[in-house]
Amino acid sequence: MLKIWSMKKEQQKADNADALSGKKRKVKAAELRVHKDLAELSLPKTMKLEYADPDDILNFKVIITPDVGYYVGGQFSFDVAVPQSYPHEPPKVRCEPTIYHPNIDLEGKVCLNILREEWKPVLNLNAVFIGLQFLFDHPNELDPLNKDAAKDLSDSKRNESSRRGKTSFEQNVATSMSGGKFGGVEYTRVLID
């Protein structure tokens, strides 16, 4: 994993090289904090990080492959953009694929309390990743962004004991994960082949 001290050494080397060429680049506080967060990170087997630009640690993807719950068999990627004001402001997180989930709307916005009003500078990227994983393990119909999916989940939970086979919510999740279309929405195929 990335180490904060190696980053400082790299910065010193870059500063020395830039001093010779007349340029100077300082490491931003957000970059230092992200390096610290990543150094302390211990991702479960259901998550991985990908960087489009290895030199830009403030923008990356987290890929979640749930191993329990309604979304088993799918792979979900989230764009993570860490602002320069981090850790005083939370990272911006957006789900890339269009999915059927009570806490993720069709535009990819994520309803997770620590990404909004409950964010505190003592929280870190690990807390965000655990929160995202939790949304797949236990979708919350009581705090929805996708009201149709939330109502479907709530109704399915209420009627679950009297039904045999898959509930309506389970059927809709399965259809959406396979790239199906219903309710006028075409969903992104997220099933792992």
N, C-alpha and C. Protein backbone atom coordinates (compact mmCIF):
# COMPACT_ATOMS: atom_id res chain seq x y z
N MET A 1 0.84 -1.18 0.00
CA MET A 1 0.00 0.00 0.00
C MET A 1 0.89 1.24 0.00
N LEU A 2 0.30 2.33 -0.34
CA LEU A 2 1.03 3.59 -0.40
C LEU A 2 1.41 4.04 1.00
N LYS A 3 2.59 4.55 1.15
CA LYS A 3 3.06 5.04 2.45
C LYS A 3 3.23 6.55 2.39
N ILE A 4 2.84 7.20 3.46
CA ILE A 4 2.90 8.66 3.49
C ILE A 4 4.34 9.15 3.44
N TRP A 5 5.26 8.42 4.07
CA TRP A 5 6.66 8.87 4.09
C TRP A 5 7.28 8.75 2.71
N SER A 6 6.93 7.71 1.97
CA SER A 6 7.47 7.59 0.62
C SER A 6 6.96 8.72 -0.27
N MET A 7 5.74 9.17 -0.01
CA MET A 7 5.20 10.28 -0.78
C MET A 7 5.98 11.56 -0.48
N LYS A 8 6.31 11.76 0.81
CA LYS A 8 7.08 12.95 1.16
C LYS A 8 8.46 12.92 0.52
N LYS A 9 9.09 11.73 0.48
CA LYS A 9 10.40 11.60 -0.17
C LYS A 9 10.29 11.89 -1.66
N GLU A 10 9.23 11.33 -2.28
CA GLU A 10 9.00 11.60 -3.70
C GLU A 10 8.78 13.08 -3.93
N GLN A 11 8.04 13.72 -3.02
CA GLN A 11 7.80 15.15 -3.15
C GLN A 11 9.10 15.93 -3.04
N GLN A 12 9.97 15.52 -2.12
CA GLN A 12 11.26 16.19 -1.98
C GLN A 12 12.08 16.04 -3.25
N LYS A 13 12.09 14.84 -3.83
CA LYS A 13 12.82 14.62 -5.09
C LYS A 13 12.23 15.50 -6.19
N ALA A 14 10.89 15.53 -6.26
CA ALA A 14 10.22 16.35 -7.28
C ALA A 14 10.51 17.83 -7.05
N ASP A 15 10.50 18.24 -5.79
CA ASP A 15 10.82 19.64 -5.47
C ASP A 15 12.24 19.99 -5.91
N ASN A 16 13.18 19.07 -5.65
CA ASN A 16 14.56 19.30 -6.06
C ASN A 16 14.67 19.40 -7.58
N ALA A 17 13.99 18.49 -8.29
CA ALA A 17 14.02 18.51 -9.75
C ALA A 17 13.34 19.78 -10.27
N ASP A 18 12.21 20.14 -9.64
CA ASP A 18 11.49 21.34 -10.06
C ASP A 18 12.29 22.60 -9.76
N ALA A 19 13.04 22.58 -8.67
CA ALA A 19 13.86 23.75 -8.32
C ALA A 19 14.90 24.00 -9.40
N LEU A 20 15.43 22.90 -9.96
CA LEU A 20 16.41 23.04 -11.04
C LEU A 20 15.76 23.61 -12.30
N SER A 21 14.49 23.25 -12.52
CA SER A 21 13.81 23.72 -13.72
C SER A 21 12.98 24.98 -13.47
N GLY A 22 12.92 25.42 -12.22
CA GLY A 22 12.17 26.64 -11.90
C GLY A 22 10.72 26.38 -11.53
N LYS A 23 10.28 25.11 -11.48
CA LYS A 23 8.90 24.78 -11.12
C LYS A 23 8.86 24.32 -9.66
N LYS A 24 7.70 24.42 -9.05
CA LYS A 24 7.53 23.94 -7.69
C LYS A 24 6.10 23.43 -7.53
N ARG A 25 5.95 22.18 -7.07
CA ARG A 25 4.63 21.61 -6.81
C ARG A 25 4.59 21.13 -5.37
N LYS A 26 3.66 21.63 -4.63
CA LYS A 26 3.50 21.24 -3.23
C LYS A 26 2.44 20.15 -3.14
N VAL A 27 2.63 19.24 -2.22
CA VAL A 27 1.63 18.23 -1.94
C VAL A 27 0.52 18.90 -1.15
N LYS A 28 -0.69 18.73 -1.60
CA LYS A 28 -1.85 19.32 -0.94
C LYS A 28 -2.22 18.50 0.30
N ALA A 29 -2.85 19.14 1.27
CA ALA A 29 -3.25 18.48 2.51
C ALA A 29 -4.18 17.29 2.22
N ALA A 30 -5.08 17.46 1.25
CA ALA A 30 -6.01 16.37 0.91
C ALA A 30 -5.24 15.15 0.39
N GLU A 31 -4.19 15.38 -0.40
CA GLU A 31 -3.40 14.26 -0.92
C GLU A 31 -2.68 13.53 0.21
N LEU A 32 -2.16 14.29 1.16
CA LEU A 32 -1.50 13.66 2.31
C LEU A 32 -2.49 12.81 3.11
N ARG A 33 -3.68 13.34 3.33
CA ARG A 33 -4.68 12.60 4.09
C ARG A 33 -5.14 11.36 3.33
N VAL A 34 -5.31 11.46 2.02
CA VAL A 34 -5.72 10.30 1.23
C VAL A 34 -4.63 9.23 1.28
N HIS A 35 -3.37 9.63 1.18
CA HIS A 35 -2.27 8.67 1.31
C HIS A 35 -2.33 7.96 2.66
N LYS A 36 -2.58 8.72 3.71
CA LYS A 36 -2.69 8.13 5.05
C LYS A 36 -3.86 7.15 5.09
N ASP A 37 -5.02 7.57 4.57
CA ASP A 37 -6.20 6.69 4.55
C ASP A 37 -5.90 5.41 3.79
N LEU A 38 -5.25 5.53 2.64
CA LEU A 38 -4.96 4.35 1.82
C LEU A 38 -3.94 3.44 2.49
N ALA A 39 -2.97 4.03 3.20
CA ALA A 39 -1.96 3.23 3.90
C ALA A 39 -2.60 2.40 5.01
N GLU A 40 -3.65 2.91 5.61
CA GLU A 40 -4.33 2.22 6.70
C GLU A 40 -5.46 1.32 6.22
N LEU A 41 -5.73 1.32 4.93
CA LEU A 41 -6.86 0.62 4.36
C LEU A 41 -6.62 -0.89 4.31
N SER A 42 -7.64 -1.61 4.66
CA SER A 42 -7.62 -3.07 4.54
C SER A 42 -8.92 -3.48 3.85
N LEU A 43 -8.87 -3.58 2.53
CA LEU A 43 -10.08 -3.87 1.76
C LEU A 43 -10.45 -5.34 1.86
N PRO A 44 -11.75 -5.62 2.00
CA PRO A 44 -12.19 -7.02 1.95
C PRO A 44 -12.10 -7.53 0.51
N LYS A 45 -12.24 -8.83 0.34
CA LYS A 45 -12.14 -9.43 -0.99
C LYS A 45 -13.25 -8.95 -1.93
N THR A 46 -14.28 -8.34 -1.39
CA THR A 46 -15.41 -7.86 -2.20
C THR A 46 -15.19 -6.46 -2.77
N MET A 47 -14.01 -5.86 -2.50
CA MET A 47 -13.73 -4.50 -2.99
C MET A 47 -12.34 -4.40 -3.58
N LYS A 48 -12.23 -3.51 -4.57
CA LYS A 48 -10.92 -3.17 -5.10
C LYS A 48 -10.96 -1.73 -5.60
N LEU A 49 -9.78 -1.14 -5.69
CA LEU A 49 -9.66 0.23 -6.18
C LEU A 49 -8.97 0.21 -7.53
N GLU A 50 -9.36 1.13 -8.41
CA GLU A 50 -8.72 1.30 -9.71
C GLU A 50 -8.47 2.78 -9.94
N TYR A 51 -7.29 3.07 -10.48
CA TYR A 51 -6.90 4.44 -10.77
C TYR A 51 -6.71 4.60 -12.28
N ALA A 52 -7.43 5.54 -12.88
CA ALA A 52 -7.24 5.83 -14.30
C ALA A 52 -5.88 6.49 -14.50
N ASP A 53 -5.51 7.34 -13.55
CA ASP A 53 -4.22 8.03 -13.57
C ASP A 53 -3.55 7.77 -12.22
N PRO A 54 -2.50 6.93 -12.18
CA PRO A 54 -1.86 6.59 -10.91
C PRO A 54 -1.28 7.81 -10.18
N ASP A 55 -1.05 8.90 -10.89
CA ASP A 55 -0.52 10.11 -10.27
C ASP A 55 -1.62 10.97 -9.64
N ASP A 56 -2.87 10.63 -9.90
CA ASP A 56 -4.00 11.39 -9.36
C ASP A 56 -4.71 10.52 -8.32
N ILE A 57 -4.28 10.61 -7.07
CA ILE A 57 -4.88 9.77 -6.04
C ILE A 57 -6.20 10.31 -5.51
N LEU A 58 -6.60 11.48 -5.97
CA LEU A 58 -7.86 12.05 -5.50
C LEU A 58 -9.06 11.62 -6.35
N ASN A 59 -8.81 10.93 -7.44
CA ASN A 59 -9.89 10.46 -8.31
C ASN A 59 -9.63 9.01 -8.67
N PHE A 60 -10.59 8.16 -8.32
CA PHE A 60 -10.42 6.73 -8.55
C PHE A 60 -11.79 6.05 -8.56
N LYS A 61 -11.77 4.76 -8.79
CA LYS A 61 -12.99 3.96 -8.75
C LYS A 61 -12.86 2.94 -7.62
N VAL A 62 -13.96 2.68 -6.95
CA VAL A 62 -14.04 1.55 -6.04
C VAL A 62 -15.04 0.59 -6.66
N ILE A 63 -14.62 -0.66 -6.79
CA ILE A 63 -15.47 -1.70 -7.39
C ILE A 63 -15.90 -2.64 -6.27
N ILE A 64 -17.21 -2.83 -6.16
CA ILE A 64 -17.78 -3.67 -5.11
C ILE A 64 -18.45 -4.87 -5.77
N THR A 65 -18.12 -6.05 -5.27
CA THR A 65 -18.69 -7.30 -5.74
C THR A 65 -19.34 -7.98 -4.53
N PRO A 66 -20.61 -7.69 -4.26
CA PRO A 66 -21.26 -8.22 -3.05
C PRO A 66 -21.24 -9.76 -3.01
N ASP A 67 -21.04 -10.30 -1.80
CA ASP A 67 -21.05 -11.75 -1.65
C ASP A 67 -22.22 -12.22 -0.78
N VAL A 68 -23.07 -11.28 -0.36
CA VAL A 68 -24.31 -11.62 0.36
C VAL A 68 -25.40 -10.65 -0.10
N GLY A 69 -26.64 -11.04 0.13
CA GLY A 69 -27.76 -10.14 -0.13
C GLY A 69 -28.33 -10.25 -1.53
N TYR A 70 -29.15 -9.28 -1.87
CA TYR A 70 -29.88 -9.27 -3.15
C TYR A 70 -28.97 -9.10 -4.36
N TYR A 71 -27.79 -8.52 -4.17
CA TYR A 71 -26.96 -8.10 -5.30
C TYR A 71 -25.77 -9.04 -5.57
N VAL A 72 -25.81 -10.25 -4.99
CA VAL A 72 -24.75 -11.24 -5.23
C VAL A 72 -24.70 -11.54 -6.73
N GLY A 73 -23.50 -11.63 -7.26
CA GLY A 73 -23.32 -11.92 -8.68
C GLY A 73 -23.09 -10.69 -9.52
N GLY A 74 -23.25 -9.52 -8.91
CA GLY A 74 -23.04 -8.27 -9.63
C GLY A 74 -21.73 -7.61 -9.26
N GLN A 75 -21.30 -6.72 -10.12
CA GLN A 75 -20.10 -5.93 -9.87
C GLN A 75 -20.46 -4.47 -10.14
N PHE A 76 -20.25 -3.62 -9.12
CA PHE A 76 -20.71 -2.25 -9.16
C PHE A 76 -19.54 -1.29 -8.97
N SER A 77 -19.37 -0.38 -9.91
CA SER A 77 -18.25 0.57 -9.80
C SER A 77 -18.78 1.94 -9.42
N PHE A 78 -18.00 2.61 -8.58
CA PHE A 78 -18.33 3.94 -8.10
C PHE A 78 -17.17 4.87 -8.40
N ASP A 79 -17.48 6.03 -8.97
CA ASP A 79 -16.47 7.07 -9.15
C ASP A 79 -16.34 7.80 -7.81
N VAL A 80 -15.10 7.96 -7.37
CA VAL A 80 -14.83 8.67 -6.12
C VAL A 80 -13.95 9.87 -6.46
N ALA A 81 -14.41 11.06 -6.10
CA ALA A 81 -13.64 12.29 -6.30
C ALA A 81 -13.46 12.93 -4.93
N VAL A 82 -12.21 13.00 -4.50
CA VAL A 82 -11.89 13.58 -3.20
C VAL A 82 -11.60 15.06 -3.40
N PRO A 83 -12.34 15.94 -2.74
CA PRO A 83 -12.12 17.38 -2.93
C PRO A 83 -10.83 17.84 -2.23
N GLN A 84 -10.31 18.98 -2.66
CA GLN A 84 -9.12 19.55 -2.04
C GLN A 84 -9.37 19.89 -0.56
N SER A 85 -10.62 20.06 -0.18
CA SER A 85 -10.96 20.39 1.20
C SER A 85 -11.11 19.15 2.09
N TYR A 86 -10.84 17.97 1.55
CA TYR A 86 -10.89 16.73 2.33
C TYR A 86 -9.83 16.80 3.41
N PRO A 87 -10.08 16.43 4.62
CA PRO A 87 -11.20 15.68 5.18
C PRO A 87 -12.32 16.55 5.75
N HIS A 88 -12.28 17.84 5.51
CA HIS A 88 -13.33 18.71 6.05
C HIS A 88 -14.63 18.59 5.27
N GLU A 89 -14.54 18.11 4.04
CA GLU A 89 -15.72 17.79 3.23
C GLU A 89 -15.60 16.36 2.76
N PRO A 90 -16.72 15.67 2.62
CA PRO A 90 -16.67 14.25 2.21
C PRO A 90 -16.31 14.10 0.74
N PRO A 91 -15.84 12.91 0.37
CA PRO A 91 -15.63 12.65 -1.05
C PRO A 91 -16.97 12.64 -1.78
N LYS A 92 -16.92 12.92 -3.07
CA LYS A 92 -18.10 12.83 -3.93
C LYS A 92 -18.10 11.42 -4.53
N VAL A 93 -19.21 10.72 -4.37
CA VAL A 93 -19.31 9.33 -4.82
C VAL A 93 -20.50 9.20 -5.75
N ARG A 94 -20.28 8.54 -6.89
CA ARG A 94 -21.36 8.34 -7.86
C ARG A 94 -21.28 6.92 -8.40
N CYS A 95 -22.40 6.24 -8.43
CA CYS A 95 -22.48 4.89 -8.97
C CYS A 95 -22.49 4.99 -10.50
N GLU A 96 -21.56 4.29 -11.16
CA GLU A 96 -21.49 4.36 -12.62
C GLU A 96 -22.65 3.66 -13.31
N PRO A 97 -22.91 2.38 -13.00
CA PRO A 97 -24.00 1.73 -13.73
C PRO A 97 -25.37 2.20 -13.22
N THR A 98 -26.35 2.13 -14.09
CA THR A 98 -27.73 2.41 -13.69
C THR A 98 -28.25 1.13 -13.05
N ILE A 99 -28.57 1.20 -11.75
CA ILE A 99 -29.01 0.01 -11.02
C ILE A 99 -30.31 0.27 -10.29
N TYR A 100 -30.97 -0.81 -9.92
CA TYR A 100 -32.24 -0.76 -9.18
C TYR A 100 -31.92 -0.94 -7.71
N HIS A 101 -31.89 0.16 -6.98
CA HIS A 101 -31.50 0.12 -5.57
C HIS A 101 -32.21 1.26 -4.84
N PRO A 102 -32.78 1.00 -3.66
CA PRO A 102 -33.49 2.05 -2.94
C PRO A 102 -32.63 3.25 -2.57
N ASN A 103 -31.33 3.04 -2.37
CA ASN A 103 -30.47 4.12 -1.88
C ASN A 103 -29.56 4.70 -2.95
N ILE A 104 -29.78 4.32 -4.20
CA ILE A 104 -29.00 4.85 -5.33
C ILE A 104 -30.00 5.20 -6.42
N ASP A 105 -29.99 6.47 -6.84
CA ASP A 105 -30.97 6.87 -7.85
C ASP A 105 -30.46 6.51 -9.25
N LEU A 106 -31.29 6.76 -10.24
CA LEU A 106 -30.98 6.36 -11.61
C LEU A 106 -29.85 7.19 -12.22
N GLU A 107 -29.48 8.29 -11.59
CA GLU A 107 -28.35 9.11 -12.04
C GLU A 107 -27.05 8.73 -11.33
N GLY A 108 -27.13 7.79 -10.38
CA GLY A 108 -25.94 7.33 -9.67
C GLY A 108 -25.67 8.01 -8.35
N LYS A 109 -26.55 8.93 -7.95
CA LYS A 109 -26.37 9.57 -6.64
C LYS A 109 -26.60 8.54 -5.55
N VAL A 110 -25.80 8.65 -4.48
CA VAL A 110 -25.83 7.67 -3.41
C VAL A 110 -26.36 8.31 -2.14
N CYS A 111 -27.33 7.65 -1.51
CA CYS A 111 -27.89 8.12 -0.24
C CYS A 111 -27.19 7.37 0.89
N LEU A 112 -26.15 8.00 1.42
CA LEU A 112 -25.38 7.44 2.53
C LEU A 112 -25.12 8.60 3.48
N ASN A 113 -25.60 8.49 4.70
CA ASN A 113 -25.57 9.63 5.63
C ASN A 113 -24.18 10.20 5.84
N ILE A 114 -23.13 9.38 5.82
CA ILE A 114 -21.78 9.93 6.06
C ILE A 114 -21.25 10.69 4.84
N LEU A 115 -21.94 10.61 3.72
CA LEU A 115 -21.55 11.41 2.56
C LEU A 115 -22.29 12.74 2.54
N ARG A 116 -23.13 12.94 3.54
CA ARG A 116 -23.91 14.18 3.62
C ARG A 116 -23.77 14.79 5.01
N GLU A 117 -24.89 14.86 5.71
CA GLU A 117 -24.95 15.60 6.97
C GLU A 117 -24.14 14.98 8.11
N GLU A 118 -23.85 13.71 8.07
CA GLU A 118 -23.12 13.09 9.18
C GLU A 118 -21.62 12.95 8.92
N TRP A 119 -21.12 13.60 7.90
CA TRP A 119 -19.67 13.56 7.64
C TRP A 119 -18.94 14.36 8.71
N LYS A 120 -17.84 13.80 9.17
CA LYS A 120 -16.96 14.46 10.13
C LYS A 120 -15.52 14.22 9.69
N PRO A 121 -14.62 15.16 9.91
CA PRO A 121 -13.23 15.00 9.47
C PRO A 121 -12.51 13.79 10.06
N VAL A 122 -13.03 13.23 11.16
CA VAL A 122 -12.40 12.03 11.72
C VAL A 122 -12.73 10.79 10.90
N LEU A 123 -13.75 10.86 10.05
CA LEU A 123 -14.07 9.73 9.17
C LEU A 123 -13.02 9.66 8.06
N ASN A 124 -12.93 8.51 7.44
CA ASN A 124 -11.93 8.33 6.38
C ASN A 124 -12.52 7.56 5.21
N LEU A 125 -11.69 7.27 4.23
CA LEU A 125 -12.16 6.55 3.04
C LEU A 125 -12.65 5.15 3.40
N ASN A 126 -12.03 4.52 4.37
CA ASN A 126 -12.46 3.20 4.79
C ASN A 126 -13.92 3.23 5.25
N ALA A 127 -14.32 4.26 5.99
CA ALA A 127 -15.70 4.39 6.44
C ALA A 127 -16.65 4.52 5.25
N VAL A 128 -16.23 5.25 4.23
CA VAL A 128 -17.05 5.41 3.02
C VAL A 128 -17.22 4.06 2.32
N PHE A 129 -16.10 3.32 2.17
CA PHE A 129 -16.17 2.03 1.48
C PHE A 129 -17.04 1.03 2.24
N ILE A 130 -16.91 1.02 3.56
CA ILE A 130 -17.74 0.12 4.37
C ILE A 130 -19.22 0.52 4.23
N GLY A 131 -19.49 1.81 4.21
CA GLY A 131 -20.86 2.28 4.03
C GLY A 131 -21.45 1.85 2.70
N LEU A 132 -20.66 1.94 1.63
CA LEU A 132 -21.13 1.50 0.32
C LEU A 132 -21.42 0.00 0.32
N GLN A 133 -20.51 -0.77 0.90
CA GLN A 133 -20.71 -2.22 0.98
C GLN A 133 -21.99 -2.53 1.76
N PHE A 134 -22.21 -1.81 2.85
CA PHE A 134 -23.39 -2.03 3.69
C PHE A 134 -24.68 -1.79 2.90
N LEU A 135 -24.68 -0.80 2.00
CA LEU A 135 -25.87 -0.54 1.19
C LEU A 135 -26.25 -1.75 0.34
N PHE A 136 -25.27 -2.52 -0.11
CA PHE A 136 -25.58 -3.71 -0.90
C PHE A 136 -25.98 -4.88 -0.01
N ASP A 137 -25.37 -4.97 1.16
CA ASP A 137 -25.72 -6.05 2.09
C ASP A 137 -27.10 -5.83 2.71
N HIS A 138 -27.45 -4.56 2.98
CA HIS A 138 -28.70 -4.22 3.67
C HIS A 138 -29.29 -2.93 3.08
N PRO A 139 -29.92 -3.00 1.91
CA PRO A 139 -30.54 -1.79 1.36
C PRO A 139 -31.59 -1.26 2.34
N ASN A 140 -31.69 0.07 2.40
CA ASN A 140 -32.55 0.71 3.39
C ASN A 140 -33.71 1.41 2.69
N GLU A 141 -34.89 0.83 2.80
CA GLU A 141 -36.07 1.42 2.16
C GLU A 141 -36.60 2.63 2.93
N LEU A 142 -36.09 2.88 4.13
CA LEU A 142 -36.57 3.99 4.95
C LEU A 142 -35.89 5.32 4.63
N ASP A 143 -34.79 5.29 3.87
CA ASP A 143 -34.07 6.52 3.51
C ASP A 143 -33.74 6.44 2.01
N PRO A 144 -34.77 6.50 1.16
CA PRO A 144 -34.56 6.21 -0.26
C PRO A 144 -34.19 7.41 -1.12
N LEU A 145 -33.50 7.10 -2.20
CA LEU A 145 -33.36 8.04 -3.32
C LEU A 145 -34.22 7.54 -4.47
N ASN A 146 -34.33 6.22 -4.60
CA ASN A 146 -35.18 5.61 -5.61
C ASN A 146 -36.44 5.14 -4.88
N LYS A 147 -37.48 5.97 -4.91
CA LYS A 147 -38.69 5.68 -4.13
C LYS A 147 -39.43 4.44 -4.64
N ASP A 148 -39.37 4.17 -5.95
CA ASP A 148 -40.03 2.98 -6.48
C ASP A 148 -39.37 1.71 -5.94
N ALA A 149 -38.04 1.68 -5.97
CA ALA A 149 -37.32 0.51 -5.45
C ALA A 149 -37.54 0.36 -3.95
N ALA A 150 -37.61 1.49 -3.22
CA ALA A 150 -37.84 1.44 -1.78
C ALA A 150 -39.22 0.88 -1.45
N LYS A 151 -40.24 1.33 -2.19
CA LYS A 151 -41.60 0.82 -1.96
C LYS A 151 -41.66 -0.66 -2.30
N ASP A 152 -41.02 -1.04 -3.39
CA ASP A 152 -40.98 -2.44 -3.80
C ASP A 152 -40.32 -3.30 -2.71
N LEU A 153 -39.21 -2.83 -2.16
CA LEU A 153 -38.52 -3.57 -1.10
C LEU A 153 -39.40 -3.65 0.15
N SER A 154 -39.99 -2.55 0.52
CA SER A 154 -40.86 -2.52 1.69
C SER A 154 -42.05 -3.48 1.54
N ASP A 155 -42.70 -3.42 0.38
CA ASP A 155 -43.83 -4.32 0.12
C ASP A 155 -43.39 -5.77 0.12
N SER A 156 -42.24 -6.04 -0.46
CA SER A 156 -41.73 -7.41 -0.52
C SER A 156 -41.41 -7.93 0.87
N LYS A 157 -40.84 -7.10 1.72
CA LYS A 157 -40.55 -7.52 3.10
C LYS A 157 -41.84 -7.80 3.86
N ARG A 158 -42.83 -6.96 3.65
CA ARG A 158 -44.10 -7.11 4.35
C ARG A 158 -44.81 -8.40 3.92
N ASN A 159 -44.71 -8.74 2.63
CA ASN A 159 -45.43 -9.89 2.10
C ASN A 159 -44.56 -11.14 1.97
N GLU A 160 -43.31 -11.07 2.42
CA GLU A 160 -42.35 -12.15 2.21
C GLU A 160 -42.80 -13.48 2.81
N SER A 161 -43.39 -13.45 3.99
CA SER A 161 -43.75 -14.70 4.67
C SER A 161 -44.88 -15.44 3.96
N SER A 162 -45.71 -14.73 3.21
CA SER A 162 -46.84 -15.39 2.54
C SER A 162 -46.51 -15.81 1.11
N ARG A 163 -45.32 -15.50 0.62
CA ARG A 163 -44.97 -15.81 -0.77
C ARG A 163 -44.05 -17.02 -0.85
N ARG A 164 -44.11 -17.63 -1.99
CA ARG A 164 -43.15 -18.69 -2.30
C ARG A 164 -42.35 -18.21 -3.50
N GLY A 165 -41.08 -18.52 -3.50
CA GLY A 165 -40.23 -18.07 -4.60
C GLY A 165 -39.73 -16.65 -4.37
N LYS A 166 -39.29 -16.03 -5.44
CA LYS A 166 -38.71 -14.69 -5.35
C LYS A 166 -39.78 -13.63 -5.14
N THR A 167 -39.42 -12.62 -4.36
CA THR A 167 -40.31 -11.48 -4.16
C THR A 167 -40.21 -10.58 -5.39
N SER A 168 -41.10 -9.63 -5.48
CA SER A 168 -41.08 -8.66 -6.58
C SER A 168 -39.76 -7.90 -6.60
N PHE A 169 -39.28 -7.50 -5.42
CA PHE A 169 -38.02 -6.77 -5.35
C PHE A 169 -36.87 -7.63 -5.86
N GLU A 170 -36.81 -8.88 -5.43
CA GLU A 170 -35.75 -9.79 -5.89
C GLU A 170 -35.80 -9.98 -7.40
N GLN A 171 -37.00 -10.11 -7.95
CA GLN A 171 -37.15 -10.28 -9.40
C GLN A 171 -36.68 -9.02 -10.13
N ASN A 172 -37.05 -7.85 -9.62
CA ASN A 172 -36.64 -6.60 -10.27
C ASN A 172 -35.12 -6.39 -10.17
N VAL A 173 -34.52 -6.73 -9.04
CA VAL A 173 -33.06 -6.63 -8.91
C VAL A 173 -32.39 -7.56 -9.92
N ALA A 174 -32.88 -8.80 -10.02
CA ALA A 174 -32.29 -9.77 -10.95
C ALA A 174 -32.43 -9.28 -12.40
N THR A 175 -33.59 -8.77 -12.75
CA THR A 175 -33.82 -8.25 -14.11
C THR A 175 -32.89 -7.07 -14.39
N SER A 176 -32.79 -6.16 -13.44
CA SER A 176 -31.95 -4.99 -13.65
C SER A 176 -30.47 -5.37 -13.75
N MET A 177 -30.02 -6.31 -12.91
CA MET A 177 -28.61 -6.71 -12.93
C MET A 177 -28.23 -7.39 -14.24
N SER A 178 -29.21 -8.01 -14.90
CA SER A 178 -28.92 -8.68 -16.18
C SER A 178 -29.03 -7.72 -17.36
N GLY A 179 -29.27 -6.43 -17.06
CA GLY A 179 -29.35 -5.44 -18.13
C GLY A 179 -30.73 -5.30 -18.72
N GLY A 180 -31.73 -5.74 -17.97
CA GLY A 180 -33.10 -5.68 -18.45
C GLY A 180 -33.69 -4.28 -18.41
N LYS A 181 -34.91 -4.20 -18.91
CA LYS A 181 -35.62 -2.93 -18.95
C LYS A 181 -36.99 -3.13 -18.34
N PHE A 182 -37.37 -2.25 -17.42
CA PHE A 182 -38.74 -2.23 -16.89
C PHE A 182 -39.01 -0.86 -16.31
N GLY A 183 -40.27 -0.52 -16.23
CA GLY A 183 -40.65 0.80 -15.72
C GLY A 183 -40.10 1.94 -16.56
N GLY A 184 -39.84 1.68 -17.84
CA GLY A 184 -39.31 2.71 -18.72
C GLY A 184 -37.82 2.99 -18.54
N VAL A 185 -37.14 2.17 -17.76
CA VAL A 185 -35.71 2.37 -17.51
C VAL A 185 -34.92 1.17 -18.03
N GLU A 186 -33.85 1.47 -18.75
CA GLU A 186 -32.94 0.42 -19.19
C GLU A 186 -31.76 0.40 -18.23
N TYR A 187 -31.55 -0.76 -17.60
CA TYR A 187 -30.51 -0.89 -16.59
C TYR A 187 -29.22 -1.43 -17.20
N THR A 188 -28.12 -1.13 -16.53
CA THR A 188 -26.80 -1.57 -16.97
C THR A 188 -26.56 -3.01 -16.52
N ARG A 189 -26.07 -3.83 -17.43
CA ARG A 189 -25.73 -5.21 -17.06
C ARG A 189 -24.52 -5.18 -16.13
N VAL A 190 -24.66 -5.73 -14.93
CA VAL A 190 -23.58 -5.73 -13.95
C VAL A 190 -23.21 -7.14 -13.51
N LEU A 191 -23.84 -8.14 -14.11
CA LEU A 191 -23.53 -9.52 -13.73
C LEU A 191 -22.12 -9.89 -14.15
N ILE A 192 -21.45 -10.62 -13.28
CA ILE A 192 -20.11 -11.11 -13.58
C ILE A 192 -20.27 -12.39 -14.39
N ASP A 193 -19.63 -12.44 -15.53
CA ASP A 193 -19.75 -13.63 -16.39
C ASP A 193 -18.82 -14.73 -15.95
